[in-house]
């Protein structure tokens, strides 16, 4: 059997007997859809010329972002991923994604670039 890795997350340990470790992570609240300002981009950089639709500007928890990404991928019928706070959808689906987001209540969604 393999060893389980300890999840130290870059902590520095102290020899001070009065040291108290505060391991509280702030949970980001997801804004309601009407207050979200999402931007849609088409990107070809570092992708061998293939187009990808990027959705940027989501403010909220990672789980909500993943759920939105899953919804968009299933409605467009393509693959994609969620990385670094962005949703990547394979192909040029900017118009379809814009319509889907507006129907879901993301009224401040904009297309950016060409």
N, C-alpha and C. Protein backbone atom coordinates (compact mmCIF):
# COMPACT_ATOMS: atom_id res chain seq x y z
N UNK A 1 0.83 -1.19 0.00
CA UNK A 1 0.00 0.00 0.00
C UNK A 1 0.86 1.24 0.00
N UNK A 2 0.36 2.26 -0.69
CA UNK A 2 1.08 3.53 -0.75
C UNK A 2 0.78 4.38 0.47
N UNK A 3 1.65 5.30 0.69
CA UNK A 3 1.45 6.22 1.81
C UNK A 3 0.49 7.33 1.39
N UNK A 4 -0.27 7.79 2.31
CA UNK A 4 -1.13 8.95 2.05
C UNK A 4 -0.30 10.20 2.21
N UNK A 5 -0.48 11.12 1.28
CA UNK A 5 0.23 12.38 1.36
C UNK A 5 -0.44 13.29 2.38
N UNK A 6 0.37 13.94 3.17
CA UNK A 6 -0.16 14.90 4.13
C UNK A 6 -0.48 16.19 3.39
N UNK A 7 -1.57 16.80 3.77
CA UNK A 7 -2.00 18.04 3.14
C UNK A 7 -1.55 19.21 4.00
N UNK A 8 -0.30 19.64 3.81
CA UNK A 8 0.24 20.72 4.63
C UNK A 8 -0.02 22.09 4.04
N UNK A 9 -0.33 22.18 2.77
CA UNK A 9 -0.65 23.43 2.10
C UNK A 9 0.35 24.55 2.36
N UNK A 10 1.63 24.21 2.44
CA UNK A 10 2.67 25.21 2.58
C UNK A 10 2.76 25.84 3.96
N UNK A 11 2.33 25.15 4.98
CA UNK A 11 2.37 25.71 6.33
C UNK A 11 3.78 25.67 6.88
N UNK A 12 4.12 26.67 7.64
CA UNK A 12 5.39 26.69 8.36
C UNK A 12 5.05 26.42 9.81
N UNK A 13 5.72 25.45 10.38
CA UNK A 13 5.42 25.05 11.75
C UNK A 13 6.30 25.83 12.72
N UNK A 14 5.73 26.13 13.88
CA UNK A 14 6.40 26.95 14.86
C UNK A 14 6.74 26.13 16.09
N UNK A 15 7.84 26.48 16.73
CA UNK A 15 8.21 25.84 18.00
C UNK A 15 7.69 26.64 19.18
N UNK A 16 7.00 27.73 18.90
CA UNK A 16 6.44 28.58 19.95
C UNK A 16 5.28 27.85 20.60
N UNK A 17 5.32 27.62 21.92
CA UNK A 17 4.22 26.88 22.57
C UNK A 17 2.90 27.65 22.60
N UNK A 18 2.96 28.98 22.42
CA UNK A 18 1.74 29.79 22.44
C UNK A 18 1.15 29.99 21.04
N UNK A 19 1.77 29.38 20.02
CA UNK A 19 1.30 29.55 18.65
C UNK A 19 -0.01 28.81 18.45
N UNK A 20 -0.98 29.52 17.88
CA UNK A 20 -2.27 28.91 17.55
C UNK A 20 -2.47 29.02 16.04
N UNK A 21 -2.75 27.90 15.45
CA UNK A 21 -2.93 27.86 14.00
C UNK A 21 -4.37 28.20 13.66
N UNK A 22 -4.57 29.16 12.78
CA UNK A 22 -5.90 29.56 12.33
C UNK A 22 -6.08 29.07 10.90
N UNK A 23 -6.83 28.02 10.73
CA UNK A 23 -7.02 27.39 9.41
C UNK A 23 -8.42 27.69 8.88
N UNK A 24 -8.79 28.95 8.85
CA UNK A 24 -10.10 29.31 8.34
C UNK A 24 -9.96 29.82 6.91
N UNK A 25 -10.71 29.22 6.01
CA UNK A 25 -10.70 29.66 4.62
C UNK A 25 -11.98 30.44 4.38
N UNK A 26 -11.83 31.56 3.70
CA UNK A 26 -13.00 32.37 3.40
C UNK A 26 -13.74 31.79 2.21
N UNK A 27 -15.01 31.58 2.37
CA UNK A 27 -15.85 31.05 1.29
C UNK A 27 -16.39 32.23 0.50
N UNK A 28 -16.17 32.18 -0.80
CA UNK A 28 -16.63 33.26 -1.67
C UNK A 28 -18.11 33.06 -1.96
N UNK A 29 -18.89 34.09 -1.72
CA UNK A 29 -20.31 34.00 -2.01
C UNK A 29 -20.55 34.24 -3.49
N UNK A 30 -21.43 33.45 -4.06
CA UNK A 30 -21.75 33.59 -5.47
C UNK A 30 -22.78 34.70 -5.65
N UNK A 31 -22.45 35.64 -6.51
CA UNK A 31 -23.40 36.70 -6.81
C UNK A 31 -24.57 36.14 -7.59
N UNK A 32 -25.71 36.76 -7.47
CA UNK A 32 -26.86 36.29 -8.25
C UNK A 32 -26.61 36.59 -9.73
N UNK A 33 -27.21 35.82 -10.62
CA UNK A 33 -26.92 35.94 -12.06
C UNK A 33 -27.10 37.34 -12.63
N UNK A 34 -28.07 38.10 -12.15
CA UNK A 34 -28.30 39.43 -12.72
C UNK A 34 -27.18 40.42 -12.37
N UNK A 35 -26.38 40.12 -11.35
CA UNK A 35 -25.29 41.01 -10.96
C UNK A 35 -23.93 40.57 -11.51
N UNK A 36 -23.88 39.40 -12.13
CA UNK A 36 -22.63 38.90 -12.70
C UNK A 36 -22.32 39.64 -14.01
N UNK A 37 -21.08 40.02 -14.21
CA UNK A 37 -20.64 40.63 -15.46
C UNK A 37 -19.71 39.63 -16.15
N UNK A 38 -20.28 38.84 -17.05
CA UNK A 38 -19.51 37.81 -17.75
C UNK A 38 -19.09 38.33 -19.12
N UNK A 39 -17.88 37.93 -19.53
CA UNK A 39 -17.35 38.33 -20.83
C UNK A 39 -17.02 37.08 -21.62
N UNK A 40 -17.37 37.09 -22.91
CA UNK A 40 -17.15 35.94 -23.79
C UNK A 40 -16.04 36.28 -24.79
N UNK A 41 -15.03 35.44 -24.86
CA UNK A 41 -13.89 35.63 -25.75
C UNK A 41 -13.76 34.42 -26.67
N UNK A 42 -13.14 34.63 -27.83
CA UNK A 42 -12.68 33.55 -28.69
C UNK A 42 -11.17 33.55 -28.60
N UNK A 43 -10.58 32.39 -28.34
CA UNK A 43 -9.13 32.30 -28.16
C UNK A 43 -8.56 31.20 -29.03
N UNK A 44 -7.42 31.49 -29.66
CA UNK A 44 -6.73 30.49 -30.48
C UNK A 44 -5.28 30.30 -30.03
N UNK A 45 -4.83 31.08 -29.06
CA UNK A 45 -3.44 31.04 -28.63
C UNK A 45 -3.13 29.73 -27.93
N UNK A 46 -1.98 29.17 -28.24
CA UNK A 46 -1.48 27.93 -27.62
C UNK A 46 -2.42 26.76 -27.81
N UNK A 47 -3.22 26.78 -28.88
CA UNK A 47 -4.17 25.69 -29.12
C UNK A 47 -4.08 25.17 -30.55
N UNK A 48 -2.93 25.38 -31.19
CA UNK A 48 -2.69 24.90 -32.56
C UNK A 48 -3.74 25.40 -33.54
N UNK A 49 -4.22 26.62 -33.37
CA UNK A 49 -5.17 27.22 -34.29
C UNK A 49 -6.62 26.87 -34.04
N UNK A 50 -6.89 25.98 -33.10
CA UNK A 50 -8.28 25.60 -32.82
C UNK A 50 -8.92 26.64 -31.91
N UNK A 51 -10.19 26.92 -32.17
CA UNK A 51 -10.88 27.96 -31.41
C UNK A 51 -11.48 27.41 -30.12
N UNK A 52 -11.47 28.26 -29.12
CA UNK A 52 -12.06 27.95 -27.82
C UNK A 52 -12.84 29.18 -27.38
N UNK A 53 -14.04 28.97 -26.86
CA UNK A 53 -14.83 30.07 -26.30
C UNK A 53 -14.53 30.15 -24.81
N UNK A 54 -14.08 31.31 -24.35
CA UNK A 54 -13.76 31.53 -22.94
C UNK A 54 -14.85 32.36 -22.29
N UNK A 55 -15.27 31.96 -21.11
CA UNK A 55 -16.21 32.74 -20.30
C UNK A 55 -15.43 33.20 -19.07
N UNK A 56 -15.24 34.51 -18.96
CA UNK A 56 -14.47 35.09 -17.85
C UNK A 56 -15.35 36.01 -17.03
N UNK A 57 -14.93 36.26 -15.79
CA UNK A 57 -15.58 37.26 -14.96
C UNK A 57 -16.56 36.70 -13.94
N UNK A 58 -16.65 35.38 -13.79
CA UNK A 58 -17.59 34.79 -12.83
C UNK A 58 -17.08 35.04 -11.42
N UNK A 59 -17.97 35.53 -10.55
CA UNK A 59 -17.63 35.76 -9.15
C UNK A 59 -18.46 34.80 -8.32
N UNK A 60 -17.78 33.89 -7.64
CA UNK A 60 -18.50 32.94 -6.82
C UNK A 60 -17.64 31.72 -6.50
N UNK A 61 -18.28 30.71 -5.96
CA UNK A 61 -17.57 29.51 -5.54
C UNK A 61 -17.18 28.66 -6.74
N UNK A 62 -16.18 27.83 -6.54
CA UNK A 62 -15.71 26.95 -7.61
C UNK A 62 -16.78 25.95 -8.02
N UNK A 63 -17.58 25.49 -7.05
CA UNK A 63 -18.64 24.53 -7.37
C UNK A 63 -19.69 25.14 -8.29
N UNK A 64 -20.07 26.39 -8.03
CA UNK A 64 -21.05 27.06 -8.89
C UNK A 64 -20.48 27.30 -10.29
N UNK A 65 -19.19 27.62 -10.36
CA UNK A 65 -18.54 27.81 -11.66
C UNK A 65 -18.51 26.49 -12.44
N UNK A 66 -18.21 25.40 -11.75
CA UNK A 66 -18.19 24.09 -12.41
C UNK A 66 -19.58 23.70 -12.89
N UNK A 67 -20.60 24.01 -12.10
CA UNK A 67 -21.98 23.71 -12.50
C UNK A 67 -22.37 24.50 -13.76
N UNK A 68 -21.98 25.77 -13.81
CA UNK A 68 -22.27 26.59 -14.98
C UNK A 68 -21.52 26.06 -16.20
N UNK A 69 -20.26 25.66 -16.01
CA UNK A 69 -19.49 25.08 -17.10
C UNK A 69 -20.11 23.79 -17.62
N UNK A 70 -20.57 22.96 -16.72
CA UNK A 70 -21.22 21.71 -17.11
C UNK A 70 -22.50 21.97 -17.88
N UNK A 71 -23.27 22.96 -17.44
CA UNK A 71 -24.50 23.34 -18.12
C UNK A 71 -24.21 23.80 -19.55
N UNK A 72 -23.21 24.68 -19.70
CA UNK A 72 -22.88 25.22 -21.03
C UNK A 72 -22.34 24.13 -21.96
N UNK A 73 -21.51 23.24 -21.43
CA UNK A 73 -20.98 22.16 -22.25
C UNK A 73 -22.08 21.23 -22.73
N UNK A 74 -23.02 20.91 -21.86
CA UNK A 74 -24.09 20.00 -22.25
C UNK A 74 -25.04 20.65 -23.26
N UNK A 75 -25.33 21.94 -23.11
CA UNK A 75 -26.22 22.63 -24.05
C UNK A 75 -25.58 22.82 -25.42
N UNK A 76 -24.25 23.01 -25.44
CA UNK A 76 -23.56 23.18 -26.72
C UNK A 76 -23.18 21.83 -27.33
N UNK A 77 -23.20 20.77 -26.54
CA UNK A 77 -22.87 19.45 -27.05
C UNK A 77 -21.40 19.28 -27.38
N UNK A 78 -20.54 19.95 -26.63
CA UNK A 78 -19.10 19.88 -26.87
C UNK A 78 -18.37 19.67 -25.55
N UNK A 79 -17.07 19.49 -25.65
CA UNK A 79 -16.25 19.35 -24.46
C UNK A 79 -15.75 20.69 -23.97
N UNK A 80 -15.05 20.66 -22.89
CA UNK A 80 -14.49 21.87 -22.32
C UNK A 80 -14.00 21.61 -20.92
N UNK A 81 -13.62 22.67 -20.23
CA UNK A 81 -13.12 22.53 -18.87
C UNK A 81 -13.31 23.84 -18.12
N UNK A 82 -13.04 23.75 -16.82
CA UNK A 82 -13.08 24.93 -15.96
C UNK A 82 -11.70 25.02 -15.31
N UNK A 83 -10.96 26.10 -15.63
CA UNK A 83 -9.62 26.29 -15.10
C UNK A 83 -9.42 27.74 -14.71
N UNK A 84 -8.78 27.96 -13.60
CA UNK A 84 -8.36 29.30 -13.18
C UNK A 84 -9.50 30.32 -13.22
N UNK A 85 -10.68 29.93 -12.82
CA UNK A 85 -11.81 30.85 -12.80
C UNK A 85 -12.40 31.15 -14.16
N UNK A 86 -12.05 30.37 -15.17
CA UNK A 86 -12.57 30.55 -16.52
C UNK A 86 -13.22 29.26 -16.99
N UNK A 87 -14.21 29.41 -17.85
CA UNK A 87 -14.86 28.26 -18.48
C UNK A 87 -14.37 28.21 -19.92
N UNK A 88 -13.81 27.08 -20.34
CA UNK A 88 -13.34 26.88 -21.70
C UNK A 88 -14.31 25.93 -22.39
N UNK A 89 -14.89 26.37 -23.50
CA UNK A 89 -15.79 25.55 -24.30
C UNK A 89 -15.13 25.35 -25.66
N UNK A 90 -14.99 24.12 -26.11
CA UNK A 90 -14.33 23.84 -27.38
C UNK A 90 -15.17 24.35 -28.54
N UNK A 91 -14.53 25.11 -29.43
CA UNK A 91 -15.21 25.62 -30.61
C UNK A 91 -15.70 27.05 -30.42
N UNK A 92 -16.19 27.62 -31.53
CA UNK A 92 -16.71 28.98 -31.51
C UNK A 92 -18.22 28.93 -31.27
N UNK A 93 -18.63 29.05 -30.02
CA UNK A 93 -20.05 28.99 -29.63
C UNK A 93 -20.46 30.25 -28.89
N UNK A 94 -19.84 31.37 -29.23
CA UNK A 94 -20.08 32.61 -28.50
C UNK A 94 -21.54 33.05 -28.55
N UNK A 95 -22.16 33.00 -29.74
CA UNK A 95 -23.54 33.46 -29.87
C UNK A 95 -24.50 32.55 -29.10
N UNK A 96 -24.29 31.24 -29.21
CA UNK A 96 -25.16 30.29 -28.51
C UNK A 96 -25.02 30.43 -27.00
N UNK A 97 -23.79 30.59 -26.52
CA UNK A 97 -23.55 30.74 -25.09
C UNK A 97 -24.14 32.04 -24.58
N UNK A 98 -24.04 33.10 -25.38
CA UNK A 98 -24.63 34.38 -24.99
C UNK A 98 -26.14 34.24 -24.81
N UNK A 99 -26.80 33.57 -25.76
CA UNK A 99 -28.25 33.35 -25.64
C UNK A 99 -28.60 32.51 -24.41
N UNK A 100 -27.81 31.45 -24.17
CA UNK A 100 -28.07 30.59 -23.02
C UNK A 100 -27.91 31.34 -21.70
N UNK A 101 -26.84 32.14 -21.60
CA UNK A 101 -26.60 32.88 -20.36
C UNK A 101 -27.67 33.93 -20.11
N UNK A 102 -28.12 34.60 -21.16
CA UNK A 102 -29.18 35.60 -20.99
C UNK A 102 -30.47 34.93 -20.53
N UNK A 103 -30.79 33.76 -21.09
CA UNK A 103 -31.99 33.03 -20.66
C UNK A 103 -31.89 32.56 -19.22
N UNK A 104 -30.66 32.30 -18.75
CA UNK A 104 -30.46 31.86 -17.36
C UNK A 104 -30.43 33.03 -16.38
N UNK A 105 -30.50 34.26 -16.88
CA UNK A 105 -30.55 35.42 -16.00
C UNK A 105 -29.27 36.22 -15.93
N UNK A 106 -28.24 35.83 -16.67
CA UNK A 106 -26.99 36.58 -16.70
C UNK A 106 -27.14 37.69 -17.75
N UNK A 107 -27.86 38.74 -17.39
CA UNK A 107 -28.23 39.78 -18.35
C UNK A 107 -27.07 40.70 -18.73
N UNK A 108 -26.01 40.75 -17.93
CA UNK A 108 -24.88 41.65 -18.21
C UNK A 108 -23.76 40.94 -18.97
N UNK A 109 -24.08 39.92 -19.74
CA UNK A 109 -23.06 39.19 -20.49
C UNK A 109 -22.73 39.94 -21.77
N UNK A 110 -21.43 40.02 -22.10
CA UNK A 110 -20.99 40.75 -23.28
C UNK A 110 -20.02 39.91 -24.09
N UNK A 111 -20.04 40.11 -25.42
CA UNK A 111 -19.03 39.53 -26.29
C UNK A 111 -17.88 40.51 -26.38
N UNK A 112 -16.66 40.00 -26.28
CA UNK A 112 -15.47 40.83 -26.31
C UNK A 112 -14.58 40.38 -27.45
N UNK A 113 -14.07 41.32 -28.22
CA UNK A 113 -13.18 41.00 -29.33
C UNK A 113 -13.94 40.66 -30.58
N UNK A 114 -13.19 40.52 -31.70
CA UNK A 114 -13.66 40.24 -33.04
C UNK A 114 -14.99 39.74 -33.14
